[in-house]
Amino acid sequence: SPIGQNMFTLTFAVKDTGRGIENNKIAWLFEPFTQGDQSTTRKYEGSGLGLSIVANLCKLMNGKLDVESEQDVGSTFTVSIDLMQGQDQESETSKSFDAQLSPQQLAEARPGLGFAPDESEKPADIAIAGVKPALKHVLIADDVEMNQVVLETMLQGYPVVCHKVANGQEAVDFMREQSVTIDLIFMDIQMPEMDGYDATRIIRKEFGATLPIIAVSANVLQSHIELAEEVGMNDFLAKPLEHEQLRKIVEKHVFCDKPKT
């Protein structure tokens, strides 16, 4: 809406039909990695970094962010920013940007368009003394299907078969069924039904201490890393996942006999 010469207020809203937020917890949402439900077995995802970033961007642009929420109905987030009217033209630099770059340069310039690694980043086929090692079985426990897909894709190139479950209880049940022998577990920390900590405690009690279990989480606070170690996890992998960190963990805990090249 216009507010003066060459000035207008841009207002837009995002509405969801989620579980809603209690009034006394709304202020917390703008802190990084905050949930209305603070438990690690919560059913619904929290704000992560998203709302914290939005709130700070609004502040930097002298804008306003409002929240209206009703429990079990949903929430509406409204952003209002005063802006100057721009010119309706397209930069020649912008138009020719894509044409000037090779496909490889485009992939590097726009990493957010996909998660598939460049061929040079994929792990090489592993061979020890000229013989490929036996197929390994990896269990991925994560309640977000896309996270499962990303991790499985990043493991391409290793002789592994990935098995996927949606929470800690399913991970424990899978281990108890013993349909295959698992060689490595990637365990998300925050999952519904049973979190990664409790699942690891049970697996350690029932299956011993030799199976490598890797904690996976976007929350890299030292207290979380220490608790992961305390319950018996062998390593910690931070989200978003990085190919080099994943490579080091896989080769350390599963393919530790890979010769150096």
Protein backbone atom coordinates (compact mmCIF):
# COMPACT_ATOMS: atom_id res chain seq x y z
CA SER A 1 0.00 0.00 0.00
CA PRO A 2 1.36 3.53 -0.87
CA ILE A 3 2.60 5.62 2.07
CA GLY A 4 4.14 8.57 0.22
CA GLN A 5 5.90 9.58 -2.95
CA ASN A 6 7.75 6.57 -4.36
CA MET A 7 7.22 4.72 -1.08
CA PHE A 8 4.94 1.83 -0.19
CA THR A 9 4.44 -0.78 2.52
CA LEU A 10 4.91 -4.38 1.45
CA THR A 11 2.89 -6.77 3.63
CA PHE A 12 2.71 -10.52 3.27
CA ALA A 13 1.63 -13.35 5.53
CA VAL A 14 2.37 -17.04 5.87
CA LYS A 15 -0.32 -19.17 7.46
CA ASP A 16 -0.10 -22.78 8.62
CA THR A 17 -2.49 -25.32 10.08
CA GLY A 18 -0.05 -26.80 12.59
CA ARG A 19 -0.45 -27.37 16.31
CA GLY A 20 -0.24 -23.67 17.17
CA ILE A 21 1.81 -21.97 19.86
CA GLU A 22 0.98 -21.07 23.44
CA ASN A 23 0.93 -17.30 24.00
CA ASN A 24 3.61 -17.47 26.69
CA LYS A 25 5.98 -19.24 24.28
CA ILE A 26 5.64 -17.03 21.21
CA ALA A 27 8.58 -14.81 22.20
CA TRP A 28 10.85 -17.87 22.31
CA LEU A 29 10.27 -18.64 18.64
CA PHE A 30 12.68 -15.95 17.49
CA GLU A 31 15.58 -17.60 19.29
CA PRO A 32 17.65 -20.07 17.22
CA PHE A 33 16.64 -23.74 17.48
CA THR A 34 13.63 -23.15 19.70
CA GLN A 35 10.53 -25.34 19.99
CA GLY A 36 7.22 -24.87 21.72
CA ASP A 37 7.74 -28.47 22.83
CA GLN A 38 11.24 -28.61 24.30
CA SER A 39 11.53 -32.41 24.47
CA THR A 40 13.73 -34.38 22.07
CA THR A 41 10.78 -36.66 21.27
CA ARG A 42 8.47 -33.86 20.13
CA LYS A 43 6.10 -34.68 17.28
CA TYR A 44 6.42 -31.31 15.50
CA GLU A 45 9.48 -29.48 14.25
CA GLY A 46 10.37 -26.15 15.81
CA SER A 47 11.65 -22.88 14.40
CA GLY A 48 15.24 -23.92 13.79
CA LEU A 49 17.05 -20.87 12.43
CA GLY A 50 14.29 -19.70 10.08
CA LEU A 51 12.27 -17.38 12.31
CA SER A 52 15.39 -16.03 13.98
CA ILE A 53 16.76 -15.03 10.55
CA VAL A 54 13.43 -13.52 9.47
CA ALA A 55 13.16 -11.49 12.67
CA ASN A 56 16.69 -10.13 12.25
CA LEU A 57 16.13 -9.27 8.59
CA CYS A 58 12.95 -7.38 9.52
CA LYS A 59 14.85 -5.47 12.18
CA LEU A 60 17.64 -4.55 9.74
CA MET A 61 15.06 -3.29 7.22
CA ASN A 62 13.08 -1.38 9.88
CA GLY A 63 10.20 -3.75 9.32
CA LYS A 64 7.73 -5.50 11.56
CA LEU A 65 7.00 -9.18 12.23
CA ASP A 66 3.72 -10.15 13.88
CA VAL A 67 2.54 -13.55 15.06
CA GLU A 68 -1.02 -14.72 15.69
CA SER A 69 -1.51 -18.27 16.88
CA GLU A 70 -4.20 -20.51 18.26
CA GLN A 71 -3.41 -23.92 19.67
CA ASP A 72 -4.58 -26.87 17.55
CA VAL A 73 -5.67 -24.41 14.83
CA GLY A 74 -2.49 -22.87 13.44
CA SER A 75 -0.35 -19.75 13.21
CA THR A 76 -0.07 -16.70 10.95
CA PHE A 77 3.22 -14.83 10.54
CA THR A 78 2.91 -11.36 8.99
CA VAL A 79 5.81 -9.25 7.72
CA SER A 80 5.49 -5.53 6.91
CA ILE A 81 8.36 -3.54 5.35
CA ASP A 82 8.48 0.04 4.01
CA LEU A 83 10.22 0.14 0.63
CA MET A 84 11.04 2.58 -2.14
CA GLN A 85 9.50 1.95 -5.53
CA GLY A 86 12.06 0.45 -7.90
CA GLN A 87 12.64 0.77 -11.62
CA ASP A 88 10.98 -1.77 -13.90
CA GLN A 89 14.06 -2.89 -15.76
CA GLU A 90 16.34 -5.88 -15.94
CA SER A 91 20.07 -5.67 -15.48
CA GLU A 92 22.12 -6.76 -18.46
CA THR A 93 24.49 -8.42 -16.01
CA SER A 94 21.62 -10.40 -14.53
CA LYS A 95 20.30 -11.46 -17.96
CA SER A 96 23.64 -12.72 -19.17
CA PHE A 97 24.80 -14.26 -15.88
CA ASP A 98 23.72 -17.83 -16.67
CA ALA A 99 25.00 -17.66 -20.25
CA GLN A 100 28.49 -16.74 -19.07
CA LEU A 101 28.86 -19.68 -16.71
CA SER A 102 29.58 -23.30 -17.40
CA PRO A 103 27.30 -25.97 -15.84
CA GLN A 104 30.01 -26.62 -13.24
CA GLN A 105 30.23 -22.92 -12.34
CA LEU A 106 26.44 -22.70 -12.12
CA ALA A 107 26.37 -25.63 -9.70
CA GLU A 108 29.00 -23.93 -7.53
CA ALA A 109 27.23 -20.56 -7.69
CA ARG A 110 23.84 -22.02 -6.79
CA PRO A 111 24.46 -24.90 -4.37
CA GLY A 112 20.95 -24.61 -2.96
CA LEU A 113 19.37 -25.93 -6.18
CA GLY A 114 20.21 -29.52 -5.32
CA PHE A 115 22.15 -31.82 -3.06
CA ALA A 116 23.65 -34.21 -5.62
CA PRO A 117 27.43 -33.99 -5.33
CA ASP A 118 29.77 -33.24 -8.20
CA GLU A 119 31.50 -36.33 -9.56
CA SER A 120 34.79 -35.12 -8.12
CA GLU A 121 33.24 -35.00 -4.64
CA LYS A 122 31.81 -38.51 -4.67
CA PRO A 123 33.82 -41.11 -2.78
CA ALA A 124 35.91 -43.25 -5.07
CA ASP A 125 35.11 -46.95 -5.30
CA ILE A 126 36.98 -48.52 -2.42
CA ALA A 127 39.34 -51.37 -3.10
CA ILE A 128 41.69 -52.94 -0.60
CA ALA A 129 44.57 -54.92 -2.09
CA GLY A 130 42.67 -54.92 -5.37
CA VAL A 131 39.54 -56.49 -3.84
CA LYS A 132 36.36 -54.60 -3.03
CA PRO A 133 35.25 -55.05 0.59
CA ALA A 134 32.06 -56.88 1.45
CA LEU A 135 28.80 -54.98 1.23
CA LYS A 136 28.01 -53.06 4.42
CA HIS A 137 24.57 -52.34 5.85
CA VAL A 138 23.83 -48.83 7.14
CA LEU A 139 20.79 -47.88 9.23
CA ILE A 140 19.55 -44.28 8.90
CA ALA A 141 17.19 -43.12 11.67
CA ASP A 142 15.58 -39.76 10.87
CA ASP A 143 11.98 -38.59 11.01
CA VAL A 144 12.38 -36.35 7.93
CA GLU A 145 12.26 -38.37 4.73
CA MET A 146 14.26 -35.81 2.75
CA ASN A 147 17.10 -36.06 5.27
CA GLN A 148 17.14 -39.82 4.73
CA VAL A 149 17.31 -39.34 0.95
CA VAL A 150 20.11 -36.76 1.21
CA LEU A 151 22.26 -39.01 3.40
CA GLU A 152 21.63 -42.06 1.25
CA THR A 153 22.57 -40.08 -1.87
CA MET A 154 25.76 -38.81 -0.28
CA LEU A 155 26.74 -42.41 0.51
CA GLN A 156 26.62 -43.40 -3.15
CA GLY A 157 30.00 -44.69 -4.23
CA TYR A 158 30.50 -46.72 -1.08
CA PRO A 159 29.54 -50.41 -1.13
CA VAL A 160 26.65 -49.94 1.30
CA VAL A 161 22.97 -50.76 1.49
CA CYS A 162 20.90 -48.18 3.38
CA HIS A 163 17.95 -49.10 5.57
CA LYS A 164 15.73 -46.21 6.75
CA VAL A 165 13.51 -45.77 9.81
CA ALA A 166 11.57 -42.75 11.10
CA ASN A 167 12.34 -42.70 14.83
CA GLY A 168 14.33 -44.24 17.64
CA GLN A 169 11.74 -46.90 18.46
CA GLU A 170 11.77 -48.12 14.85
CA ALA A 171 15.57 -48.24 14.97
CA VAL A 172 15.48 -50.42 18.09
CA ASP A 173 12.80 -52.68 16.54
CA PHE A 174 14.85 -53.02 13.35
CA MET A 175 17.90 -54.09 15.34
CA ARG A 176 15.86 -56.61 17.33
CA GLU A 177 14.47 -58.18 14.16
CA GLN A 178 18.03 -58.91 12.98
CA SER A 179 16.97 -59.33 9.35
CA VAL A 180 20.45 -58.07 8.39
CA THR A 181 23.61 -57.30 10.33
CA ILE A 182 23.98 -53.53 10.65
CA ASP A 183 27.52 -52.16 10.34
CA LEU A 184 26.84 -48.45 10.99
CA ILE A 185 23.95 -46.34 12.35
CA PHE A 186 23.30 -42.67 11.63
CA MET A 187 21.04 -41.59 14.49
CA ASP A 188 19.15 -38.31 14.42
CA ILE A 189 18.89 -36.81 17.90
CA GLN A 190 15.42 -35.29 17.87
CA MET A 191 12.70 -37.69 16.71
CA PRO A 192 9.11 -38.46 17.78
CA GLU A 193 8.17 -41.56 19.80
CA MET A 194 11.77 -42.17 20.92
CA ASP A 195 14.73 -39.83 20.50
CA GLY A 196 18.22 -40.77 19.40
CA TYR A 197 19.63 -40.71 22.93
CA ASP A 198 17.21 -43.29 24.33
CA ALA A 199 17.48 -45.46 21.22
CA THR A 200 21.26 -45.50 21.56
CA ARG A 201 21.07 -46.42 25.25
CA ILE A 202 18.87 -49.43 24.41
CA ILE A 203 21.00 -50.54 21.46
CA ARG A 204 24.16 -50.31 23.54
CA LYS A 205 22.56 -52.36 26.34
CA GLU A 206 21.22 -55.06 24.03
CA PHE A 207 23.85 -55.19 21.28
CA GLY A 208 27.08 -54.10 22.96
CA ALA A 209 29.55 -51.31 22.34
CA THR A 210 31.18 -52.35 19.05
CA LEU A 211 28.53 -51.11 16.58
CA PRO A 212 29.37 -47.54 15.45
CA ILE A 213 26.51 -45.10 16.11
CA ILE A 214 26.85 -41.59 14.69
CA ALA A 215 24.80 -38.73 16.14
CA VAL A 216 23.25 -36.48 13.48
CA SER A 217 21.87 -33.07 14.47
CA ALA A 218 21.71 -29.40 13.51
CA ASN A 219 22.11 -28.54 17.18
CA VAL A 220 25.86 -28.53 17.78
CA LEU A 221 25.88 -27.13 21.30
CA GLN A 222 28.64 -28.68 23.38
CA SER A 223 26.09 -30.05 25.84
CA HIS A 224 24.41 -32.06 23.05
CA ILE A 225 27.74 -33.40 21.81
CA GLU A 226 28.73 -34.42 25.33
CA LEU A 227 25.39 -36.16 25.95
CA ALA A 228 25.73 -38.03 22.66
CA GLU A 229 29.11 -39.33 23.81
CA GLU A 230 27.75 -40.13 27.26
CA VAL A 231 24.98 -42.41 25.93
CA GLY A 232 27.45 -44.29 23.74
CA MET A 233 27.51 -42.57 20.36
CA ASN A 234 30.86 -42.78 18.59
CA ASP A 235 30.86 -39.54 16.61
CA PHE A 236 28.83 -36.42 15.84
CA LEU A 237 27.80 -35.29 12.35
CA ALA A 238 26.41 -31.76 12.05
CA LYS A 239 23.59 -30.74 9.72
CA PRO A 240 23.69 -29.55 7.02
CA LEU A 241 25.82 -32.51 6.04
CA GLU A 242 29.17 -31.95 4.36
CA HIS A 243 30.73 -34.52 2.04
CA GLU A 244 34.18 -34.32 3.58
CA GLN A 245 32.96 -34.81 7.15
CA LEU A 246 30.76 -37.72 6.08
CA ARG A 247 33.67 -39.30 4.20
CA LYS A 248 35.93 -39.11 7.25
CA ILE A 249 33.31 -40.70 9.50
CA VAL A 250 32.46 -43.53 7.09
CA GLU A 251 36.09 -44.39 6.45
CA LYS A 252 36.98 -44.11 10.14
CA HIS A 253 34.24 -46.39 11.42
CA VAL A 254 33.50 -48.77 8.53
CA PHE A 255 36.19 -48.72 5.87
CA CYS A 256 39.09 -48.00 8.19
CA ASP A 257 41.45 -50.22 6.18
CA LYS A 258 41.19 -48.05 3.08
CA PRO A 259 44.73 -47.34 1.86
CA LYS A 260 45.82 -43.72 1.72
CA THR A 261 46.16 -42.28 -1.77
